[in-house]
Protein backbone atom coordinates (compact mmCIF):
# COMPACT_ATOMS: atom_id res chain seq x y z
CA UNK A 1 -90.29 -138.32 79.66
CA UNK A 2 -92.63 -136.05 77.74
CA UNK A 3 -91.57 -132.46 78.35
CA UNK A 4 -93.65 -129.40 77.48
CA UNK A 5 -91.87 -126.11 76.85
CA UNK A 6 -93.46 -122.67 76.67
CA UNK A 7 -91.84 -119.95 74.54
CA UNK A 8 -92.48 -116.44 75.89
CA UNK A 9 -90.76 -116.04 79.25
CA UNK A 10 -89.13 -119.49 78.95
CA UNK A 11 -87.15 -119.35 75.72
CA UNK A 12 -87.15 -115.54 75.57
CA UNK A 13 -87.10 -112.59 77.96
CA UNK A 14 -90.42 -111.08 76.92
CA UNK A 15 -90.45 -108.80 79.97
CA UNK A 16 -87.24 -106.98 78.94
CA UNK A 17 -88.62 -106.40 75.43
CA UNK A 18 -92.02 -105.27 76.74
CA UNK A 19 -90.55 -102.70 79.13
CA UNK A 20 -87.94 -101.31 76.71
CA UNK A 21 -90.36 -100.95 73.80
CA UNK A 22 -93.31 -100.04 76.02
CA UNK A 23 -91.48 -97.06 77.53
CA UNK A 24 -90.73 -95.80 74.00
CA UNK A 25 -94.37 -96.30 73.01
CA UNK A 26 -95.60 -94.34 76.05
CA UNK A 27 -93.30 -91.43 75.21
CA UNK A 28 -94.15 -91.41 71.51
CA UNK A 29 -97.92 -91.69 71.93
CA UNK A 30 -98.37 -90.00 75.32
CA UNK A 31 -100.32 -92.98 76.58
CA UNK A 32 -99.67 -94.54 79.95
CA UNK A 33 -96.44 -94.77 81.91
CA UNK A 34 -94.33 -97.44 83.57
CA UNK A 35 -96.02 -98.11 86.92
CA UNK A 36 -95.31 -101.76 87.77
CA UNK A 37 -92.39 -103.46 86.00
CA UNK A 38 -93.01 -106.61 88.06
CA UNK A 39 -96.55 -107.20 86.75
CA UNK A 40 -97.25 -110.02 84.29
CA UNK A 41 -99.89 -108.28 82.17
CA UNK A 42 -98.52 -105.38 80.07
CA UNK A 43 -101.73 -103.41 80.77
CA UNK A 44 -100.74 -103.40 84.44
CA UNK A 45 -97.08 -102.71 83.69
CA UNK A 46 -97.96 -99.43 81.93
CA UNK A 47 -101.49 -98.63 83.14
CA UNK A 48 -102.81 -99.08 79.60
CA UNK A 49 -106.40 -99.73 78.62
CA UNK A 50 -107.08 -102.75 76.39
CA UNK A 51 -107.10 -100.71 73.17
CA UNK A 52 -103.70 -99.16 73.89
CA UNK A 53 -102.27 -102.56 74.79
CA UNK A 54 -103.66 -104.03 71.56
CA UNK A 55 -102.20 -101.17 69.50
CA UNK A 56 -98.79 -101.64 71.12
CA UNK A 57 -98.66 -105.36 70.34
CA UNK A 58 -100.01 -104.90 66.82
CA UNK A 59 -97.00 -102.67 66.16
CA UNK A 60 -94.45 -104.82 67.99
CA UNK A 61 -95.38 -108.50 68.04
CA UNK A 62 -93.55 -109.44 64.84
CA UNK A 63 -90.56 -107.26 65.78
CA UNK A 64 -90.40 -109.11 69.09
CA UNK A 65 -90.61 -112.51 67.42
CA UNK A 66 -88.02 -111.82 64.75
CA UNK A 67 -85.43 -109.91 66.77
CA UNK A 68 -85.68 -110.97 70.42
CA UNK A 69 -82.78 -113.32 71.24
CA UNK A 70 -83.22 -116.62 73.09
CA UNK A 71 -82.32 -116.89 76.76
CA UNK A 72 -78.75 -118.01 77.46
CA UNK A 73 -78.37 -121.77 77.48
CA UNK A 74 -81.87 -122.51 76.20
CA UNK A 75 -80.98 -124.11 72.86
CA UNK A 76 -77.92 -125.89 74.28
CA UNK A 77 -79.79 -127.52 77.15
CA UNK A 78 -82.84 -128.42 75.08
CA UNK A 79 -80.51 -130.27 72.70
CA UNK A 80 -79.14 -132.14 75.72
CA UNK A 81 -82.66 -133.08 76.80
CA UNK A 82 -83.37 -134.40 73.31
CA UNK A 83 -80.10 -136.37 73.31
CA UNK A 84 -81.12 -137.88 76.67
CA UNK A 85 -84.13 -139.40 74.93
CA UNK A 86 -86.92 -137.10 76.12
CA UNK A 87 -89.80 -136.18 73.83
CA UNK A 88 -90.08 -132.40 73.53
CA UNK A 89 -93.28 -130.47 72.88
CA UNK A 90 -93.24 -126.71 72.33
CA UNK A 91 -96.63 -125.60 73.71
CA UNK A 92 -97.27 -121.89 73.20
CA UNK A 93 -100.33 -119.70 73.49
CA UNK A 94 -98.58 -117.00 71.44
CA UNK A 95 -100.92 -114.16 70.54
CA UNK A 96 -102.28 -114.45 66.97
CA UNK A 97 -100.95 -118.02 66.60
CA UNK A 98 -103.53 -119.82 68.74
CA UNK A 99 -106.47 -121.74 67.23
CA UNK A 100 -108.93 -119.12 68.48
CA UNK A 101 -109.95 -116.53 65.87
CA UNK A 102 -108.73 -113.04 66.67
CA UNK A 103 -111.99 -111.11 66.32
CA UNK A 104 -110.15 -107.77 66.21
CA UNK A 105 -108.74 -108.58 62.79
CA UNK A 106 -110.58 -109.24 59.55
CA UNK A 107 -107.42 -110.88 58.23
CA UNK A 108 -107.06 -113.14 61.29
CA UNK A 109 -106.43 -116.34 59.29
CA UNK A 110 -103.58 -114.72 57.39
CA UNK A 111 -102.08 -113.29 60.58
CA UNK A 112 -102.33 -116.65 62.30
CA UNK A 113 -100.38 -118.38 59.55
CA UNK A 114 -97.84 -115.56 59.42
CA UNK A 115 -97.24 -115.79 63.16
CA UNK A 116 -96.96 -119.58 63.14
CA UNK A 117 -94.47 -119.43 60.29
CA UNK A 118 -92.47 -116.70 62.03
CA UNK A 119 -92.32 -118.69 65.27
CA UNK A 120 -91.06 -121.81 63.46
CA UNK A 121 -88.46 -119.76 61.59
CA UNK A 122 -87.24 -118.22 64.86
CA UNK A 123 -86.91 -121.64 66.46
CA UNK A 124 -84.97 -122.94 63.46
CA UNK A 125 -82.70 -119.89 63.26
CA UNK A 126 -81.80 -120.28 66.92
CA UNK A 127 -81.21 -124.04 66.60
CA UNK A 128 -84.00 -125.28 68.84
CA UNK A 129 -84.87 -128.95 68.51
CA UNK A 130 -88.30 -130.40 69.33
CA UNK A 131 -90.62 -133.22 68.36
CA UNK A 132 -93.81 -131.22 67.94
CA UNK A 133 -95.01 -127.65 68.22
CA UNK A 134 -98.52 -126.93 69.51
CA UNK A 135 -100.14 -123.54 69.11
CA UNK A 136 -102.51 -123.73 72.05
CA UNK A 137 -105.38 -121.87 73.61
CA UNK A 138 -104.57 -119.87 76.73
CA UNK A 139 -105.70 -122.87 78.81
CA UNK A 140 -103.15 -125.59 78.07
CA UNK A 141 -104.80 -128.28 80.19
CA UNK A 142 -106.17 -130.36 77.31
CA UNK A 143 -102.75 -130.45 75.62
CA UNK A 144 -101.06 -131.54 78.86
CA UNK A 145 -103.51 -134.44 79.09
CA UNK A 146 -103.44 -135.35 75.38
CA UNK A 147 -99.64 -135.46 75.14
CA UNK A 148 -99.23 -136.97 78.62
CA UNK A 149 -96.77 -134.27 79.64
CA UNK A 150 -94.62 -135.33 82.60
CA UNK A 151 -92.99 -131.93 83.11
CA UNK A 152 -94.11 -128.53 81.79
CA UNK A 153 -91.71 -125.57 81.74
CA UNK A 154 -93.73 -122.37 82.23
CA UNK A 155 -93.61 -118.80 83.48
CA UNK A 156 -97.27 -117.69 83.42
CA UNK A 157 -98.68 -117.32 86.95
CA UNK A 158 -102.09 -118.56 85.82
CA UNK A 159 -100.66 -121.61 84.01
CA UNK A 160 -98.40 -122.50 86.92
CA UNK A 161 -101.39 -122.58 89.28
CA UNK A 162 -103.67 -124.42 86.88
CA UNK A 163 -101.31 -126.93 85.28
CA UNK A 164 -99.56 -127.91 88.51
CA UNK A 165 -102.80 -129.73 89.36
CA UNK A 166 -102.12 -132.00 86.38
CA UNK A 167 -98.35 -132.47 86.18
CA UNK A 168 -94.97 -131.36 87.50
CA UNK A 169 -94.06 -127.79 86.62
CA UNK A 170 -90.70 -126.11 86.25
CA UNK A 171 -91.23 -122.41 86.84
CA UNK A 172 -88.80 -120.11 85.03
CA UNK A 173 -88.29 -117.67 87.88
CA UNK A 174 -89.31 -114.07 87.23
CA UNK A 175 -90.52 -111.39 89.60
CA UNK A 176 -94.01 -111.58 88.11
CA UNK A 177 -94.47 -115.20 89.20
CA UNK A 178 -93.05 -114.89 92.72
CA UNK A 179 -95.10 -116.45 95.49
CA UNK A 180 -96.64 -119.20 93.39
CA UNK A 181 -95.60 -122.35 95.21
CA UNK A 182 -96.79 -125.91 95.72
CA UNK A 183 -95.31 -129.40 95.81
CA UNK A 184 -95.53 -129.76 92.02
CA UNK A 185 -93.70 -126.51 91.19
CA UNK A 186 -89.89 -126.34 90.97
CA UNK A 187 -88.29 -122.93 90.53
CA UNK A 188 -85.24 -122.47 88.28
CA UNK A 189 -83.32 -119.30 87.47
CA UNK A 190 -81.78 -120.36 84.15
CA UNK A 191 -81.62 -123.20 81.63
CA UNK A 192 -78.65 -124.89 83.25
CA UNK A 193 -80.70 -125.23 86.44
CA UNK A 194 -83.67 -126.48 84.41
CA UNK A 195 -81.60 -129.25 82.84
CA UNK A 196 -80.21 -130.29 86.22
CA UNK A 197 -83.67 -130.34 87.79
CA UNK A 198 -85.08 -132.52 85.00
CA UNK A 199 -82.17 -134.94 85.44
CA UNK A 200 -82.94 -135.13 89.15
CA UNK A 201 -86.66 -135.68 88.55
CA UNK A 202 -85.84 -138.36 85.98
CA UNK A 203 -83.84 -140.29 88.56
CA UNK A 204 -86.71 -140.09 91.08
CA UNK A 205 -89.32 -141.24 88.58
């Protein structure tokens, strides 16, 4: 099967990093406060305006990428999927790395290449295997169709709703994506469950 794999919230715990560093940022800059730790958007987590949110991520995005550890079992079970003969596509809409020009930055091309390089280095350092990496737009629909993805592993509420119209979805279960359910969405709490679910879906195919 062709399997798509998101990064943030699927290979990493971006929520833990966002809350820990966001609380420090609020205290240091006296901007916002933690109001909804279960929200998906960091603006809603801390009651930030868009400028404050942008400033926070400008200061922290590369720290997050370089230092945030992978989720337990992610690399191990992805290697097992590869050994089982599946084709693996990393499909990420990582901020700064997507094809869209970041209009906030004059040096957007340089930042894009830096982020893409950093992502690939992180994947290599943490021993992730894959056949192709795609730095996508926020809407991943065209990539799902182009690569004929049979199963997409995601955490984004918006992507789960949208992409489940096109293919089977494994939802990495977080509080911010609770309540998103349909016949094409399978919830898993960790990478061992994800591997087992893919094996089960493979048998049914």
